């Protein structure tokens, strides 16, 4: 059997339940995989062992779980065959967090109950069945996702003792699916920016270059998943906060159609454009995660628009659309105006950097075409003036939406945004919070500029819909970022193209496209389809991913040796040691 056939079978096996429930597997394949092991076969293509064992001798001394890019399917196969326990996996990730967190500043708090949860799931597996599609999968939650058993801080010291009364809807769904909530990730405080800086967690570093930003606002999730400190994680996306860190950290990140995933129990920024989304190392894992999170929630009326418009209405899942040939006969339009440096850019270094990103993007287009798609380059893109005119400024809604969220909290949580602003317990990076507090939340619906913005959203949708129809497109594509991630404390631009899909309420997905030639930084390619076409989006993105194989894990995050004997007490001690407290009250960073 040829190596090419082996790799094709393995790639096809990532579709659906990644062979876990597939009965029609040929004897030839069973014989091959039985002799070398599915994980060993997969490592042929990557040059790396998935669980860190370089040789038989190394495997004998390696810990039970030393993860290098494992997928959910990989881990589930080892659970089913008794090669791993959930405790093995959780402890393996705890060892990596303990070893690498100091250089990344990506984790705010580990869940003290993670090991207890692991033991419960191991006991449940004794029956021979997984508890759900995320059985024993350690997840990283952006710390604006409510958890009833762990404080939810939004990265702010002002919410240090804020433990919500219940889980966010999506967190409840994760637990029901068998997941382990491993840790809460650092973020841009209150999700304000692409630079993930918070008073509680400090500045998140990019694992591909720790002198650069990891992206935001879901930067902690991005850095953690990229460096294999967790399996998958959540982000939230108002103006790019899932896709920007995914592009910056060579990850897959989905911003779903607004309404596909409930926002209940998520600290809001601007509810008109807020949504949660998965961040993962593979499209298959992102699809599986989306299947768990998606669906109607009475607590978020926006999700009623999704009813009858997802694969679940027909008894299918997003994982059913993962096809190696998913780009064949597709028509993909290119927003060429969103590629390369801006016309008025004069800085030669920024121009050179944008051109390096464009080179990676253009190579990705060649791969898309080679996979069977027709690339329509260019198609007319809406101008950025048009896009910005249809983007709701978060400052218009933040005061209203955060006050509504704070009203539902108990205990020592602040009563409203005014109390937070007066406390000074927030990062100097978000001094604009004081200006947002001054917005009259009761007058928002009478603000003419705000109302005009809302009306422009329909105009933008009509424009983009027409482009799809006139060119018979299945999707459009552009670089998620036109620049590589900026250096920390620099004024380098992000070059984000992420503001388009929130204003449209369309789904878009960032997929690793490769690395720039000189700086060797990740580049993400972003596909966008029309509303509630996530199934098509997964099909296209998966086919591109499998044909390009562009993701590489960052250097310097190899196997770890740890003598920590993890327990709830040890986790709580670690949590206490992490508090950064880089707040205005401590640093005096805001002008009065």
Protein backbone atom coordinates (compact mmCIF):
# COMPACT_ATOMS: atom_id res chain seq x y z
CA UNK A 1 0.00 0.00 0.00
CA UNK A 2 1.43 3.41 -0.98
CA UNK A 3 2.12 6.18 1.53
CA UNK A 4 -0.21 8.44 -0.51
CA UNK A 5 -3.10 6.00 -0.09
CA UNK A 6 -2.41 5.69 3.64
CA UNK A 7 -2.47 9.45 4.17
CA UNK A 8 -5.60 9.85 2.04
CA UNK A 9 -7.42 7.27 4.15
CA UNK A 10 -6.31 8.92 7.35
CA UNK A 11 -7.44 12.32 6.09
CA UNK A 12 -10.80 10.95 4.98
CA UNK A 13 -11.09 9.38 8.39
CA UNK A 14 -11.26 12.82 9.97
CA UNK A 15 -14.75 13.26 8.51
CA UNK A 16 -17.88 12.49 10.48
CA UNK A 17 -16.93 10.80 13.72
CA UNK A 18 -13.37 10.29 12.45
CA UNK A 19 -13.85 6.52 12.02
CA UNK A 20 -15.09 6.05 15.57
CA UNK A 21 -18.46 4.81 14.36
CA UNK A 22 -17.51 3.80 10.83
CA UNK A 23 -18.17 0.15 10.06
CA UNK A 24 -17.23 0.18 6.36
CA UNK A 25 -13.46 0.12 6.82
CA UNK A 26 -11.62 -2.14 4.40
CA UNK A 27 -9.69 -5.14 5.73
CA UNK A 28 -6.59 -3.79 4.03
CA UNK A 29 -6.86 -0.59 6.00
CA UNK A 30 -7.59 -2.42 9.22
CA UNK A 31 -4.54 -4.56 8.69
CA UNK A 32 -2.30 -1.57 8.08
CA UNK A 33 -3.57 0.48 10.98
CA UNK A 34 -3.47 -2.56 13.23
CA UNK A 35 0.21 -3.05 12.48
CA UNK A 36 1.48 0.50 12.93
CA UNK A 37 -1.36 2.18 14.83
CA UNK A 38 -3.47 5.03 13.45
CA UNK A 39 -1.49 7.65 15.35
CA UNK A 40 1.79 6.28 14.06
CA UNK A 41 0.47 6.40 10.51
CA UNK A 42 -0.67 9.99 10.98
CA UNK A 43 2.79 10.98 12.16
CA UNK A 44 4.23 9.87 8.79
CA UNK A 45 2.79 13.01 7.24
CA UNK A 46 3.85 15.46 9.92
CA UNK A 47 7.31 14.23 10.81
CA UNK A 48 6.27 14.39 14.48
CA UNK A 49 4.78 11.84 16.84
CA UNK A 50 1.35 12.94 17.99
CA UNK A 51 2.07 12.07 21.61
CA UNK A 52 5.72 12.97 21.81
CA UNK A 53 7.42 9.54 21.66
CA UNK A 54 10.45 9.75 19.40
CA UNK A 55 11.43 6.08 19.72
CA UNK A 56 10.55 2.88 21.53
CA UNK A 57 13.02 3.71 24.31
CA UNK A 58 11.68 7.26 24.61
CA UNK A 59 8.12 5.93 24.68
CA UNK A 60 8.97 3.74 27.67
CA UNK A 61 10.09 6.74 29.71
CA UNK A 62 7.55 9.24 28.36
CA UNK A 63 4.53 10.27 30.43
CA UNK A 64 1.22 8.60 29.51
CA UNK A 65 0.11 11.70 27.59
CA UNK A 66 2.62 14.12 26.08
CA UNK A 67 0.57 15.88 23.41
CA UNK A 68 1.80 17.01 20.05
CA UNK A 69 -1.18 18.12 17.96
CA UNK A 70 -3.67 15.37 18.92
CA UNK A 71 -7.24 15.63 17.64
CA UNK A 72 -10.39 14.69 19.51
CA UNK A 73 -10.59 11.53 17.41
CA UNK A 74 -7.02 10.57 18.31
CA UNK A 75 -7.70 10.82 22.02
CA UNK A 76 -11.07 9.09 21.85
CA UNK A 77 -9.54 6.10 20.08
CA UNK A 78 -7.02 5.77 22.90
CA UNK A 79 -9.77 6.09 25.49
CA UNK A 80 -11.77 3.32 23.82
CA UNK A 81 -8.78 0.98 23.65
CA UNK A 82 -7.67 1.65 27.22
CA UNK A 83 -4.36 3.24 26.22
CA UNK A 84 -5.21 6.51 27.99
CA UNK A 85 -7.35 7.72 30.85
CA UNK A 86 -8.90 11.15 31.10
CA UNK A 87 -6.73 11.76 34.17
CA UNK A 88 -3.63 11.01 32.04
CA UNK A 89 -4.72 13.64 29.53
CA UNK A 90 -5.65 16.28 32.09
CA UNK A 91 -2.40 15.83 33.99
CA UNK A 92 -0.45 15.98 30.73
CA UNK A 93 -1.94 19.37 29.94
CA UNK A 94 -1.46 20.60 33.51
CA UNK A 95 2.23 19.73 33.21
CA UNK A 96 2.46 21.77 30.02
CA UNK A 97 0.63 24.72 31.55
CA UNK A 98 2.95 24.64 34.55
CA UNK A 99 6.00 24.53 32.24
CA UNK A 100 5.05 27.10 29.60
CA UNK A 101 2.52 29.50 31.10
CA UNK A 102 5.12 31.90 32.48
CA UNK A 103 6.40 32.77 29.01
CA UNK A 104 2.93 33.04 27.42
CA UNK A 105 0.72 34.66 30.12
CA UNK A 106 -2.19 32.88 28.46
CA UNK A 107 -3.98 31.27 31.42
CA UNK A 108 -5.80 33.16 34.17
CA UNK A 109 -7.01 30.27 36.28
CA UNK A 110 -6.98 26.45 36.21
CA UNK A 111 -10.19 24.72 37.20
CA UNK A 112 -9.57 23.19 40.68
CA UNK A 113 -12.19 20.51 39.91
CA UNK A 114 -10.56 19.35 36.66
CA UNK A 115 -9.05 16.19 38.16
CA UNK A 116 -12.25 15.25 39.96
CA UNK A 117 -14.11 15.63 36.67
CA UNK A 118 -11.51 13.47 34.93
CA UNK A 119 -11.98 10.68 37.45
CA UNK A 120 -15.76 10.81 37.01
CA UNK A 121 -15.38 10.45 33.25
CA UNK A 122 -12.91 7.58 33.61
CA UNK A 123 -15.41 5.79 35.81
CA UNK A 124 -18.17 6.41 33.26
CA UNK A 125 -16.00 4.95 30.49
CA UNK A 126 -15.84 1.62 32.31
CA UNK A 127 -19.22 0.92 30.70
CA UNK A 128 -17.45 0.96 27.33
CA UNK A 129 -19.18 4.06 26.00
CA UNK A 130 -18.10 7.68 25.76
CA UNK A 131 -20.26 10.07 27.76
CA UNK A 132 -20.64 12.33 24.73
CA UNK A 133 -18.87 13.78 21.68
CA UNK A 134 -16.40 15.69 23.90
CA UNK A 135 -15.79 12.92 26.45
CA UNK A 136 -12.64 13.70 28.39
CA UNK A 137 -11.60 16.57 26.12
CA UNK A 138 -9.88 19.34 28.13
CA UNK A 139 -11.23 22.70 26.98
CA UNK A 140 -9.89 26.20 27.51
CA UNK A 141 -12.60 28.81 28.06
CA UNK A 142 -12.07 32.46 27.33
CA UNK A 143 -12.59 34.09 30.71
CA UNK A 144 -15.71 35.91 29.63
CA UNK A 145 -17.66 32.62 29.50
CA UNK A 146 -19.62 32.19 32.74
CA UNK A 147 -18.77 29.21 34.93
CA UNK A 148 -20.69 28.62 38.15
CA UNK A 149 -17.73 26.89 39.79
CA UNK A 150 -14.94 29.28 38.71
CA UNK A 151 -14.84 33.10 38.82
CA UNK A 152 -15.44 34.83 35.47
CA UNK A 153 -13.33 37.97 35.31
CA UNK A 154 -13.29 39.15 31.67
CA UNK A 155 -9.61 39.68 32.48
CA UNK A 156 -10.40 42.44 34.96
CA UNK A 157 -9.27 42.72 38.56
CA UNK A 158 -12.60 44.46 39.18
CA UNK A 159 -14.32 41.08 38.65
CA UNK A 160 -11.78 39.05 40.62
CA UNK A 161 -14.45 37.63 42.95
CA UNK A 162 -17.27 37.42 40.43
CA UNK A 163 -18.59 33.86 40.36
CA UNK A 164 -21.77 33.75 38.25
CA UNK A 165 -24.86 31.94 39.56
CA UNK A 166 -24.79 29.42 36.69
CA UNK A 167 -22.90 28.34 33.61
CA UNK A 168 -23.18 30.04 30.26
CA UNK A 169 -25.44 28.01 27.98
CA UNK A 170 -22.52 26.89 25.83
CA UNK A 171 -20.57 25.79 28.92
CA UNK A 172 -23.52 23.69 30.07
CA UNK A 173 -23.59 22.07 26.63
CA UNK A 174 -19.87 21.30 26.84
CA UNK A 175 -20.23 19.64 30.22
CA UNK A 176 -23.23 17.64 28.97
CA UNK A 177 -21.08 16.49 26.04
CA UNK A 178 -18.48 15.08 28.45
CA UNK A 179 -15.87 17.84 28.31
CA UNK A 180 -13.44 18.79 31.05
CA UNK A 181 -13.30 22.53 31.67
CA UNK A 182 -9.56 22.72 32.18
CA UNK A 183 -8.83 26.43 32.54
CA UNK A 184 -9.93 30.00 31.88
CA UNK A 185 -7.86 31.93 29.34
CA UNK A 186 -6.49 35.45 29.44
CA UNK A 187 -7.94 38.00 27.02
CA UNK A 188 -8.09 41.63 26.13
CA UNK A 189 -9.82 43.07 29.19
CA UNK A 190 -13.57 43.18 28.52
CA UNK A 191 -12.68 42.07 24.96
CA UNK A 192 -11.83 45.62 23.90
CA UNK A 193 -8.98 45.12 21.43
CA UNK A 194 -6.75 42.87 19.32
CA UNK A 195 -3.93 43.24 21.88
CA UNK A 196 -4.76 40.73 24.62
CA UNK A 197 -3.76 42.73 27.68
CA UNK A 198 -5.58 42.52 30.99
CA UNK A 199 -5.10 43.65 34.57
CA UNK A 200 -5.68 40.10 35.75
CA UNK A 201 -3.45 38.21 33.30
CA UNK A 202 -0.95 40.65 31.80
CA UNK A 203 -0.03 40.59 28.09
CA UNK A 204 -0.53 37.36 26.15
CA UNK A 205 2.55 36.42 24.12
CA UNK A 206 2.51 34.76 20.71
CA UNK A 207 4.07 31.27 20.92
CA UNK A 208 5.58 31.71 17.43
CA UNK A 209 7.45 34.79 18.65
CA UNK A 210 6.98 35.83 22.27
CA UNK A 211 7.97 39.39 21.42
CA UNK A 212 4.74 39.69 19.43
CA UNK A 213 1.07 39.82 20.31
CA UNK A 214 -1.03 36.65 20.09
CA UNK A 215 -4.05 38.56 18.80
CA UNK A 216 -7.25 39.40 20.55
CA UNK A 217 -9.43 39.60 22.17
CA UNK A 218 -9.29 35.80 22.52
CA UNK A 219 -5.50 35.79 22.63
CA UNK A 220 -5.15 33.53 25.65
CA UNK A 221 -7.15 30.81 23.95
CA UNK A 222 -5.12 31.25 20.77
CA UNK A 223 -1.70 30.99 22.44
CA UNK A 224 -2.78 28.08 24.63
CA UNK A 225 -4.19 25.91 21.85
CA UNK A 226 -1.34 26.75 19.45
CA UNK A 227 1.28 25.64 21.99
CA UNK A 228 -0.68 22.47 22.89
CA UNK A 229 -1.59 23.51 26.42
CA UNK A 230 -5.19 22.44 25.76
CA UNK A 231 -7.11 20.60 23.04
CA UNK A 232 -9.65 23.20 21.95
CA UNK A 233 -11.03 26.44 23.29
CA UNK A 234 -13.64 29.11 23.04
CA UNK A 235 -13.34 32.61 21.75
CA UNK A 236 -15.86 35.38 21.38
CA UNK A 237 -16.01 37.55 18.29
CA UNK A 238 -17.48 41.04 17.99
CA UNK A 239 -15.09 42.49 15.42
CA UNK A 240 -12.65 39.64 14.83
CA UNK A 241 -11.77 38.34 18.28
CA UNK A 242 -11.93 34.66 17.30
CA UNK A 243 -10.36 34.98 13.87
CA UNK A 244 -7.56 37.46 14.60
CA UNK A 245 -5.84 35.32 17.27
CA UNK A 246 -6.54 32.20 15.21
CA UNK A 247 -4.73 33.73 12.23
CA UNK A 248 -1.93 35.01 14.48
CA UNK A 249 -1.45 31.58 16.08
CA UNK A 250 -1.95 29.24 13.08
CA UNK A 251 -5.34 27.96 14.23
CA UNK A 252 -8.79 27.31 12.85
CA UNK A 253 -11.29 29.86 14.16
CA UNK A 254 -14.99 30.14 13.33
CA UNK A 255 -17.19 33.17 13.67
CA UNK A 256 -20.63 31.60 13.14
CA UNK A 257 -23.74 33.27 11.81
CA UNK A 258 -25.00 35.55 14.57
CA UNK A 259 -27.71 33.42 16.16
CA UNK A 260 -26.20 29.97 15.66
CA UNK A 261 -24.59 29.89 19.13
CA UNK A 262 -26.12 31.28 22.31
CA UNK A 263 -24.58 34.35 23.94
CA UNK A 264 -26.33 33.69 27.27
CA UNK A 265 -23.84 33.89 30.11
CA UNK A 266 -21.09 35.58 28.09
CA UNK A 267 -19.79 38.94 29.27
CA UNK A 268 -21.04 41.24 26.49
CA UNK A 269 -19.22 43.83 24.47
CA UNK A 270 -21.87 44.76 21.91
CA UNK A 271 -24.76 42.34 21.60
CA UNK A 272 -25.63 43.33 18.05
CA UNK A 273 -22.38 41.76 16.86
CA UNK A 274 -21.29 39.50 19.76
CA UNK A 275 -21.04 35.75 19.26
CA UNK A 276 -18.99 32.86 20.56
CA UNK A 277 -17.01 30.51 18.34
CA UNK A 278 -14.62 27.54 18.49
CA UNK A 279 -10.83 27.75 18.21
CA UNK A 280 -8.98 24.56 17.35
CA UNK A 281 -5.97 23.16 15.55
CA UNK A 282 -8.05 21.36 12.91
CA UNK A 283 -11.25 22.00 10.99
CA UNK A 284 -12.59 18.61 12.11
CA UNK A 285 -12.25 19.50 15.78
CA UNK A 286 -13.84 22.91 15.16
CA UNK A 287 -16.78 21.18 13.47
CA UNK A 288 -17.25 18.77 16.34
CA UNK A 289 -17.11 21.65 18.83
CA UNK A 290 -19.65 23.64 16.80
CA UNK A 291 -22.03 20.69 16.77
CA UNK A 292 -22.01 20.80 20.57
CA UNK A 293 -22.42 24.57 20.96
CA UNK A 294 -24.99 25.31 18.23
CA UNK A 295 -28.73 25.40 18.75
CA UNK A 296 -31.75 27.29 19.97
CA UNK A 297 -31.61 28.74 23.48
CA UNK A 298 -34.67 30.51 24.95
CA UNK A 299 -32.28 32.65 26.99
CA UNK A 300 -30.95 34.17 23.75
CA UNK A 301 -33.86 35.01 21.39
CA UNK A 302 -31.42 35.64 18.52
CA UNK A 303 -30.87 31.88 18.31
CA UNK A 304 -34.48 31.39 17.20
CA UNK A 305 -33.35 32.45 13.70
CA UNK A 306 -31.26 29.26 13.49
CA UNK A 307 -34.18 26.87 13.90
CA UNK A 308 -34.58 24.70 10.80
CA UNK A 309 -31.49 26.21 9.14
CA UNK A 310 -28.74 23.89 10.39
CA UNK A 311 -27.78 20.29 9.54
CA UNK A 312 -29.25 19.23 12.89
CA UNK A 313 -32.75 19.90 11.55
CA UNK A 314 -32.18 17.01 9.12
CA UNK A 315 -30.52 14.72 11.62
CA UNK A 316 -27.01 15.58 10.42
CA UNK A 317 -23.99 17.25 11.96
CA UNK A 318 -21.32 19.65 10.75
CA UNK A 319 -18.85 16.78 10.94
CA UNK A 320 -20.82 15.09 8.14
CA UNK A 321 -19.56 17.73 5.72
CA UNK A 322 -15.83 17.14 6.13
CA UNK A 323 -14.84 15.95 2.67
CA UNK A 324 -11.37 15.78 1.20
CA UNK A 325 -12.82 16.74 -2.20
CA UNK A 326 -15.00 19.53 -0.78
CA UNK A 327 -13.44 22.16 -3.07
CA UNK A 328 -14.23 20.36 -6.31
CA UNK A 329 -16.56 22.39 -8.56
CA UNK A 330 -16.76 25.19 -5.99
CA UNK A 331 -16.50 28.82 -7.09
CA UNK A 332 -14.43 30.94 -4.72
CA UNK A 333 -14.33 34.71 -5.17
CA UNK A 334 -11.29 36.73 -4.13
CA UNK A 335 -11.58 40.09 -2.41
CA UNK A 336 -8.37 41.31 -4.00
CA UNK A 337 -8.84 44.80 -2.53
CA UNK A 338 -8.30 43.23 0.91
CA UNK A 339 -4.84 41.89 0.01
CA UNK A 340 -1.49 43.63 0.50
CA UNK A 341 -0.57 47.03 1.91
CA UNK A 342 -3.01 49.92 1.82
CA UNK A 343 -2.57 52.38 -1.01
CA UNK A 344 -1.57 55.21 1.31
CA UNK A 345 0.99 53.21 3.32
CA UNK A 346 4.47 54.80 3.24
CA UNK A 347 6.39 52.76 5.81
CA UNK A 348 8.63 50.40 3.83
CA UNK A 349 8.76 47.79 6.60
CA UNK A 350 4.97 47.61 6.81
CA UNK A 351 4.71 47.41 3.02
CA UNK A 352 7.26 44.59 2.91
CA UNK A 353 5.44 42.73 5.67
CA UNK A 354 2.07 43.03 3.92
CA UNK A 355 3.60 41.82 0.66
CA UNK A 356 5.02 38.77 2.46
CA UNK A 357 1.53 37.94 3.75
CA UNK A 358 0.13 38.45 0.25
CA UNK A 359 2.65 35.95 -1.13
CA UNK A 360 1.39 33.29 1.28
CA UNK A 361 -2.21 34.14 0.39
CA UNK A 362 -1.56 33.88 -3.34
CA UNK A 363 0.05 30.48 -2.84
CA UNK A 364 -3.07 29.42 -0.92
CA UNK A 365 -5.19 30.42 -3.94
CA UNK A 366 -3.08 28.13 -6.11
CA UNK A 367 -3.76 25.28 -3.66
CA UNK A 368 -7.49 26.02 -3.73
CA UNK A 369 -7.46 25.89 -7.50
CA UNK A 370 -5.39 22.69 -7.51
CA UNK A 371 -8.01 21.10 -5.24
CA UNK A 372 -10.64 21.54 -7.93
CA UNK A 373 -12.18 24.96 -7.26
CA UNK A 374 -12.65 27.79 -9.72
CA UNK A 375 -11.00 30.90 -8.30
CA UNK A 376 -12.70 34.10 -9.44
CA UNK A 377 -10.07 36.77 -8.91
CA UNK A 378 -11.11 39.48 -8.31
CA UNK A 379 -14.71 40.06 -7.35
CA UNK A 380 -15.94 43.41 -6.17
CA UNK A 381 -15.48 43.89 -2.43
CA UNK A 382 -17.35 46.47 -0.37
CA UNK A 383 -15.14 49.44 0.46
CA UNK A 384 -13.91 49.71 4.02
CA UNK A 385 -15.78 52.99 4.41
CA UNK A 386 -18.94 51.05 3.57
CA UNK A 387 -18.06 48.23 5.99
CA UNK A 388 -17.20 50.59 8.85
CA UNK A 389 -20.42 52.51 8.33
CA UNK A 390 -22.33 49.27 9.00
CA UNK A 391 -20.28 48.17 12.03
CA UNK A 392 -21.88 49.01 15.35
CA UNK A 393 -19.38 50.84 17.53
CA UNK A 394 -19.03 48.78 20.71
CA UNK A 395 -18.99 52.02 22.69
CA UNK A 396 -22.62 52.62 21.73
CA UNK A 397 -23.84 49.39 23.34
CA UNK A 398 -21.23 48.39 25.93
CA UNK A 399 -22.56 50.48 28.82
CA UNK A 400 -26.09 49.17 28.30
CA UNK A 401 -25.10 45.53 27.78
CA UNK A 402 -22.49 45.23 30.54
CA UNK A 403 -24.84 46.81 33.09
CA UNK A 404 -27.49 44.27 32.18
CA UNK A 405 -24.96 41.47 32.66
CA UNK A 406 -23.72 42.82 36.01
CA UNK A 407 -27.28 42.98 37.35
CA UNK A 408 -27.42 39.20 37.17
CA UNK A 409 -24.32 38.64 39.30
CA UNK A 410 -24.23 38.05 43.03
CA UNK A 411 -21.80 38.53 45.91
CA UNK A 412 -18.90 40.96 45.60
CA UNK A 413 -19.34 41.77 41.91
CA UNK A 414 -19.63 45.47 40.99
CA UNK A 415 -23.18 46.71 40.41
CA UNK A 416 -22.51 48.55 37.17
CA UNK A 417 -19.90 49.98 34.82
CA UNK A 418 -19.79 53.21 36.80
CA UNK A 419 -18.56 51.31 39.84
CA UNK A 420 -15.85 49.61 37.77
CA UNK A 421 -14.72 52.93 36.29
CA UNK A 422 -14.52 54.55 39.72
CA UNK A 423 -12.59 51.61 41.19
CA UNK A 424 -9.63 51.94 38.83
CA UNK A 425 -9.32 48.15 38.93
CA UNK A 426 -8.74 47.72 35.21
CA UNK A 427 -5.75 47.79 32.91
CA UNK A 428 -4.31 51.10 31.72
CA UNK A 429 -4.67 49.57 28.23
CA UNK A 430 -8.44 50.17 28.43
CA UNK A 431 -8.61 53.67 29.86
CA UNK A 432 -11.31 54.29 27.23
CA UNK A 433 -13.61 52.38 29.58
CA UNK A 434 -14.23 55.67 31.38
CA UNK A 435 -15.44 57.27 28.16
CA UNK A 436 -17.74 54.30 27.50
CA UNK A 437 -19.19 54.65 30.98
CA UNK A 438 -20.25 58.19 30.10
CA UNK A 439 -22.48 56.98 27.22
CA UNK A 440 -26.14 57.38 28.15
CA UNK A 441 -27.39 53.81 27.87
CA UNK A 442 -31.02 54.94 27.92
CA UNK A 443 -30.49 57.19 24.90
CA UNK A 444 -28.83 54.62 22.62
CA UNK A 445 -32.03 53.88 20.73
CA UNK A 446 -32.47 57.57 20.05
CA UNK A 447 -28.91 58.09 18.80
CA UNK A 448 -29.25 59.01 15.12
CA UNK A 449 -25.74 57.88 14.18
CA UNK A 450 -26.32 54.51 15.87
CA UNK A 451 -29.63 54.03 14.08
CA UNK A 452 -28.06 54.92 10.73
CA UNK A 453 -25.39 52.28 11.35
CA UNK A 454 -28.03 49.63 11.95
CA UNK A 455 -29.81 50.57 8.73
CA UNK A 456 -26.57 50.34 6.73
CA UNK A 457 -26.23 46.67 7.66
CA UNK A 458 -29.08 45.76 5.30
CA UNK A 459 -27.42 47.74 2.51
CA UNK A 460 -24.14 45.90 3.08
CA UNK A 461 -25.87 42.52 3.05
CA UNK A 462 -27.58 43.34 -0.25
CA UNK A 463 -24.27 44.39 -1.78
CA UNK A 464 -22.48 41.20 -0.77
CA UNK A 465 -25.43 38.95 -1.65
CA UNK A 466 -25.40 40.47 -5.13
CA UNK A 467 -21.71 39.67 -5.51
CA UNK A 468 -22.38 36.04 -4.61
CA UNK A 469 -25.30 35.78 -7.05
CA UNK A 470 -23.73 37.69 -9.94
CA UNK A 471 -20.58 35.54 -9.81
CA UNK A 472 -22.30 32.27 -8.81
CA UNK A 473 -20.03 32.02 -5.75
CA UNK A 474 -19.96 29.47 -2.98
CA UNK A 475 -17.65 31.60 -0.82
CA UNK A 476 -15.33 34.57 -0.87
CA UNK A 477 -11.80 34.52 0.47
CA UNK A 478 -9.22 37.03 1.70
CA UNK A 479 -6.35 37.14 4.22
CA UNK A 480 -7.63 37.29 7.78
CA UNK A 481 -4.82 39.74 8.51
CA UNK A 482 -2.82 41.67 5.93
CA UNK A 483 0.08 42.02 8.36
CA UNK A 484 1.94 39.64 10.65
CA UNK A 485 1.18 40.08 14.38
CA UNK A 486 2.63 43.33 15.75
CA UNK A 487 5.49 43.44 18.20
CA UNK A 488 4.45 44.18 21.77
CA UNK A 489 4.70 47.89 22.68
CA UNK A 490 4.96 48.86 19.01
CA UNK A 491 2.58 50.90 16.88
CA UNK A 492 2.59 48.34 14.07
CA UNK A 493 -0.83 47.77 12.47
CA UNK A 494 -2.85 44.57 12.58
CA UNK A 495 -4.26 44.97 9.08
CA UNK A 496 -7.41 43.15 10.07
CA UNK A 497 -10.07 42.19 7.53
CA UNK A 498 -12.23 40.76 10.30
CA UNK A 499 -14.80 43.55 10.61
CA UNK A 500 -16.69 42.51 7.48
CA UNK A 501 -18.57 39.40 8.59
CA UNK A 502 -19.88 40.80 11.92
CA UNK A 503 -21.63 43.63 10.11
CA UNK A 504 -23.09 41.11 7.65
CA UNK A 505 -23.89 38.51 10.34
CA UNK A 506 -22.34 35.97 7.92
CA UNK A 507 -20.18 33.05 9.05
CA UNK A 508 -16.47 33.17 8.32
CA UNK A 509 -13.62 30.83 9.18
CA UNK A 510 -9.90 31.38 9.41
CA UNK A 511 -7.66 28.44 8.46
CA UNK A 512 -3.83 28.26 8.61
CA UNK A 513 -2.35 29.17 5.22
CA UNK A 514 1.37 28.95 6.00
CA UNK A 515 4.16 31.22 7.19
CA UNK A 516 5.91 34.31 5.86
CA UNK A 517 9.29 33.66 4.28
CA UNK A 518 11.49 35.97 6.35
CA UNK A 519 9.77 36.34 9.71
CA UNK A 520 8.24 32.83 9.71
CA UNK A 521 5.01 34.11 11.26
CA UNK A 522 1.61 32.48 10.70
CA UNK A 523 -0.79 33.65 8.01
CA UNK A 524 -4.49 32.83 8.07
CA UNK A 525 -6.82 32.61 5.09
CA UNK A 526 -10.46 33.51 5.76
CA UNK A 527 -13.41 31.96 3.95
CA UNK A 528 -16.85 33.58 4.17
CA UNK A 529 -20.21 32.16 3.11
CA UNK A 530 -23.75 33.48 3.44
CA UNK A 531 -25.84 33.22 6.61
CA UNK A 532 -26.36 29.73 8.01
CA UNK A 533 -24.11 28.14 5.39
CA UNK A 534 -21.69 26.81 8.01
CA UNK A 535 -21.97 23.29 6.53
CA UNK A 536 -20.64 24.55 3.21
CA UNK A 537 -18.00 26.58 5.05
CA UNK A 538 -16.74 23.50 6.90
CA UNK A 539 -16.68 21.52 3.66
CA UNK A 540 -14.60 24.13 1.85
CA UNK A 541 -12.27 24.85 4.78
CA UNK A 542 -11.67 21.17 5.48
CA UNK A 543 -10.77 20.43 1.87
CA UNK A 544 -8.37 23.36 1.81
CA UNK A 545 -6.78 22.32 5.10
CA UNK A 546 -6.30 18.71 4.02
CA UNK A 547 -4.81 19.69 0.67
CA UNK A 548 -2.52 22.38 2.09
CA UNK A 549 -1.44 20.87 5.45
CA UNK A 550 -0.22 24.36 6.36
CA UNK A 551 -0.34 24.30 10.16
CA UNK A 552 2.87 23.76 12.09
CA UNK A 553 3.17 23.85 15.85
CA UNK A 554 5.53 26.51 17.25
CA UNK A 555 9.12 25.63 18.10
CA UNK A 556 10.17 25.47 21.71
CA UNK A 557 7.09 23.76 23.14
CA UNK A 558 8.25 20.16 23.17
CA UNK A 559 7.98 17.41 25.76
CA UNK A 560 7.98 18.43 29.40
CA UNK A 561 9.19 16.77 32.54
CA UNK A 562 7.28 17.64 35.67
CA UNK A 563 7.54 16.39 39.23
CA UNK A 564 4.28 18.09 40.27
CA UNK A 565 1.77 15.72 41.85
CA UNK A 566 -1.41 17.43 40.79
CA UNK A 567 -4.26 17.78 43.24
CA UNK A 568 -6.97 20.33 43.90
CA UNK A 569 -4.76 21.98 46.52
CA UNK A 570 -1.82 22.15 44.08
CA UNK A 571 -4.04 23.73 41.43
CA UNK A 572 -5.39 26.30 43.86
CA UNK A 573 -1.85 27.17 44.93
CA UNK A 574 -0.85 27.62 41.29
CA UNK A 575 -3.85 29.87 40.72
CA UNK A 576 -2.88 32.11 43.63
CA UNK A 577 0.59 32.56 42.15
CA UNK A 578 -0.76 33.85 38.81
CA UNK A 579 -2.43 37.09 39.79
CA UNK A 580 -0.87 39.98 37.85
CA UNK A 581 -2.87 43.01 39.13
CA UNK A 582 -1.62 45.36 36.41
CA UNK A 583 -4.46 47.77 37.11
CA UNK A 584 -4.87 51.51 36.96
CA UNK A 585 -5.27 51.53 40.74
CA UNK A 586 -1.84 49.92 41.11
CA UNK A 587 0.02 51.55 38.21
CA UNK A 588 -1.76 54.89 37.99
CA UNK A 589 -1.97 54.64 34.23
CA UNK A 590 -5.02 56.75 33.27
CA UNK A 591 -5.06 60.51 33.11
CA UNK A 592 -7.83 62.00 35.21
